[in-house]
Amino acid sequence: MKLQLGELQQKLQSALETQQQAMQQLQDQLLMKEQLQEELESAEADAQDATEQLDLFQQSYD
């Protein structure tokens, strides 16, 4: 019985470590998603600015 208890404790410890690793990966991915979202928003703003400047440039030749 003691051996089974030891094995169960080992399995529980292993499962808890796996869960902790998964949570860390999830947090890392969430942080990366937030960073990518910020980069995307910045790129969209840059594209909008460039489009507006191009429109003004073209209007000056009309």
N, C-alpha and C. Protein backbone atom coordinates (compact mmCIF):
# COMPACT_ATOMS: atom_id res chain seq x y z
N MET A 1 0.83 -1.20 0.00
CA MET A 1 0.00 0.00 0.00
C MET A 1 0.87 1.26 0.00
N LYS A 2 1.97 1.21 0.75
CA LYS A 2 2.84 2.37 0.81
C LYS A 2 3.44 2.69 -0.55
N LEU A 3 3.78 1.64 -1.30
CA LEU A 3 4.35 1.83 -2.63
C LEU A 3 3.33 2.53 -3.54
N GLN A 4 2.07 2.11 -3.43
CA GLN A 4 1.03 2.74 -4.25
C GLN A 4 0.88 4.21 -3.87
N LEU A 5 0.95 4.50 -2.59
CA LEU A 5 0.83 5.88 -2.15
C LEU A 5 1.99 6.71 -2.71
N GLY A 6 3.17 6.16 -2.68
CA GLY A 6 4.34 6.85 -3.23
C GLY A 6 4.18 7.09 -4.72
N GLU A 7 3.68 6.07 -5.42
CA GLU A 7 3.46 6.22 -6.86
C GLU A 7 2.41 7.30 -7.15
N LEU A 8 1.36 7.31 -6.35
CA LEU A 8 0.30 8.31 -6.55
C LEU A 8 0.83 9.72 -6.28
N GLN A 9 1.66 9.83 -5.24
CA GLN A 9 2.24 11.14 -4.94
C GLN A 9 3.15 11.60 -6.09
N GLN A 10 3.89 10.65 -6.66
CA GLN A 10 4.77 10.97 -7.78
C GLN A 10 3.95 11.40 -9.01
N LYS A 11 2.87 10.67 -9.27
CA LYS A 11 2.01 11.03 -10.41
C LYS A 11 1.37 12.40 -10.21
N LEU A 12 0.95 12.65 -8.97
CA LEU A 12 0.34 13.94 -8.67
C LEU A 12 1.36 15.06 -8.86
N GLN A 13 2.56 14.86 -8.36
CA GLN A 13 3.63 15.86 -8.51
C GLN A 13 3.91 16.11 -9.99
N SER A 14 4.00 15.04 -10.76
CA SER A 14 4.26 15.16 -12.19
C SER A 14 3.13 15.92 -12.89
N ALA A 15 1.89 15.60 -12.52
CA ALA A 15 0.74 16.27 -13.12
C ALA A 15 0.73 17.76 -12.76
N LEU A 16 1.09 18.07 -11.53
CA LEU A 16 1.13 19.48 -11.11
C LEU A 16 2.22 20.25 -11.85
N GLU A 17 3.36 19.60 -12.06
CA GLU A 17 4.44 20.24 -12.81
C GLU A 17 4.03 20.48 -14.26
N THR A 18 3.37 19.49 -14.85
CA THR A 18 2.89 19.63 -16.23
C THR A 18 1.88 20.77 -16.32
N GLN A 19 0.99 20.84 -15.34
CA GLN A 19 -0.01 21.91 -15.32
C GLN A 19 0.66 23.27 -15.19
N GLN A 20 1.68 23.36 -14.35
CA GLN A 20 2.39 24.62 -14.16
C GLN A 20 3.09 25.04 -15.46
N GLN A 21 3.70 24.07 -16.14
CA GLN A 21 4.36 24.37 -17.41
C GLN A 21 3.35 24.85 -18.45
N ALA A 22 2.19 24.20 -18.49
CA ALA A 22 1.15 24.59 -19.44
C ALA A 22 0.66 26.00 -19.15
N MET A 23 0.48 26.33 -17.87
CA MET A 23 0.05 27.68 -17.50
C MET A 23 1.09 28.72 -17.90
N GLN A 24 2.36 28.40 -17.72
CA GLN A 24 3.43 29.32 -18.10
C GLN A 24 3.43 29.53 -19.62
N GLN A 25 3.27 28.44 -20.37
CA GLN A 25 3.22 28.56 -21.83
C GLN A 25 2.03 29.42 -22.26
N LEU A 26 0.90 29.23 -21.59
CA LEU A 26 -0.29 30.01 -21.91
C LEU A 26 -0.06 31.50 -21.63
N GLN A 27 0.57 31.79 -20.49
CA GLN A 27 0.88 33.19 -20.17
C GLN A 27 1.84 33.79 -21.20
N ASP A 28 2.84 33.01 -21.59
CA ASP A 28 3.80 33.48 -22.60
C ASP A 28 3.09 33.77 -23.93
N GLN A 29 2.20 32.86 -24.31
CA GLN A 29 1.47 33.03 -25.57
C GLN A 29 0.55 34.25 -25.51
N LEU A 30 -0.06 34.46 -24.35
CA LEU A 30 -0.94 35.62 -24.19
C LEU A 30 -0.14 36.92 -24.31
N LEU A 31 1.03 36.93 -23.69
CA LEU A 31 1.89 38.11 -23.78
C LEU A 31 2.31 38.34 -25.23
N MET A 32 2.67 37.27 -25.92
CA MET A 32 3.07 37.39 -27.32
C MET A 32 1.91 37.90 -28.16
N LYS A 33 0.71 37.40 -27.88
CA LYS A 33 -0.47 37.85 -28.62
C LYS A 33 -0.69 39.34 -28.42
N GLU A 34 -0.52 39.81 -27.18
CA GLU A 34 -0.70 41.23 -26.90
C GLU A 34 0.35 42.06 -27.65
N GLN A 35 1.59 41.57 -27.67
CA GLN A 35 2.64 42.29 -28.38
C GLN A 35 2.36 42.33 -29.88
N LEU A 36 1.92 41.20 -30.43
CA LEU A 36 1.60 41.15 -31.85
C LEU A 36 0.42 42.06 -32.18
N GLN A 37 -0.55 42.12 -31.28
CA GLN A 37 -1.70 43.00 -31.48
C GLN A 37 -1.25 44.45 -31.53
N GLU A 38 -0.34 44.82 -30.63
CA GLU A 38 0.18 46.19 -30.63
C GLU A 38 0.94 46.49 -31.92
N GLU A 39 1.74 45.52 -32.37
CA GLU A 39 2.48 45.71 -33.62
C GLU A 39 1.53 45.85 -34.81
N LEU A 40 0.49 45.04 -34.81
CA LEU A 40 -0.50 45.11 -35.89
C LEU A 40 -1.20 46.46 -35.91
N GLU A 41 -1.59 46.94 -34.73
CA GLU A 41 -2.26 48.24 -34.66
C GLU A 41 -1.33 49.36 -35.13
N SER A 42 -0.07 49.26 -34.76
CA SER A 42 0.92 50.26 -35.18
C SER A 42 1.11 50.22 -36.70
N ALA A 43 1.19 49.01 -37.26
CA ALA A 43 1.35 48.87 -38.70
C ALA A 43 0.12 49.40 -39.44
N GLU A 44 -1.06 49.15 -38.89
CA GLU A 44 -2.28 49.66 -39.52
C GLU A 44 -2.31 51.18 -39.50
N ALA A 45 -1.87 51.77 -38.39
CA ALA A 45 -1.82 53.23 -38.29
C ALA A 45 -0.81 53.79 -39.29
N ASP A 46 0.35 53.14 -39.41
CA ASP A 46 1.36 53.57 -40.38
C ASP A 46 0.82 53.49 -41.80
N ALA A 47 0.11 52.42 -42.10
CA ALA A 47 -0.46 52.25 -43.44
C ALA A 47 -1.50 53.33 -43.71
N GLN A 48 -2.30 53.65 -42.71
CA GLN A 48 -3.31 54.70 -42.87
C GLN A 48 -2.64 56.05 -43.13
N ASP A 49 -1.58 56.34 -42.37
CA ASP A 49 -0.85 57.60 -42.57
C ASP A 49 -0.26 57.67 -43.98
N ALA A 50 0.35 56.58 -44.41
CA ALA A 50 0.96 56.54 -45.74
C ALA A 50 -0.09 56.73 -46.82
N THR A 51 -1.25 56.13 -46.64
CA THR A 51 -2.33 56.26 -47.61
C THR A 51 -2.80 57.72 -47.69
N GLU A 52 -2.94 58.34 -46.52
CA GLU A 52 -3.37 59.74 -46.50
C GLU A 52 -2.34 60.65 -47.16
N GLN A 53 -1.06 60.39 -46.90
CA GLN A 53 -0.02 61.19 -47.52
C GLN A 53 0.00 61.00 -49.04
N LEU A 54 -0.20 59.78 -49.47
CA LEU A 54 -0.25 59.50 -50.91
C LEU A 54 -1.43 60.21 -51.55
N ASP A 55 -2.58 60.19 -50.89
CA ASP A 55 -3.75 60.89 -51.41
C ASP A 55 -3.48 62.38 -51.55
N LEU A 56 -2.84 62.99 -50.53
CA LEU A 56 -2.52 64.42 -50.59
C LEU A 56 -1.54 64.71 -51.73
N PHE A 57 -0.57 63.83 -51.88
CA PHE A 57 0.42 63.98 -52.94
C PHE A 57 -0.25 63.93 -54.31
N GLN A 58 -1.16 62.96 -54.48
CA GLN A 58 -1.85 62.82 -55.77
C GLN A 58 -2.77 64.01 -56.02
N GLN A 59 -3.41 64.54 -54.97
CA GLN A 59 -4.30 65.68 -55.13
C GLN A 59 -3.53 66.92 -55.57
N SER A 60 -2.28 67.02 -55.12
CA SER A 60 -1.48 68.19 -55.49
C SER A 60 -1.14 68.19 -56.97
N TYR A 61 -1.26 67.04 -57.63
CA TYR A 61 -0.98 66.95 -59.06
C TYR A 61 -2.25 66.97 -59.91
N ASP A 62 -3.39 67.00 -59.25
CA ASP A 62 -4.65 67.04 -60.02
C ASP A 62 -5.02 68.44 -60.43
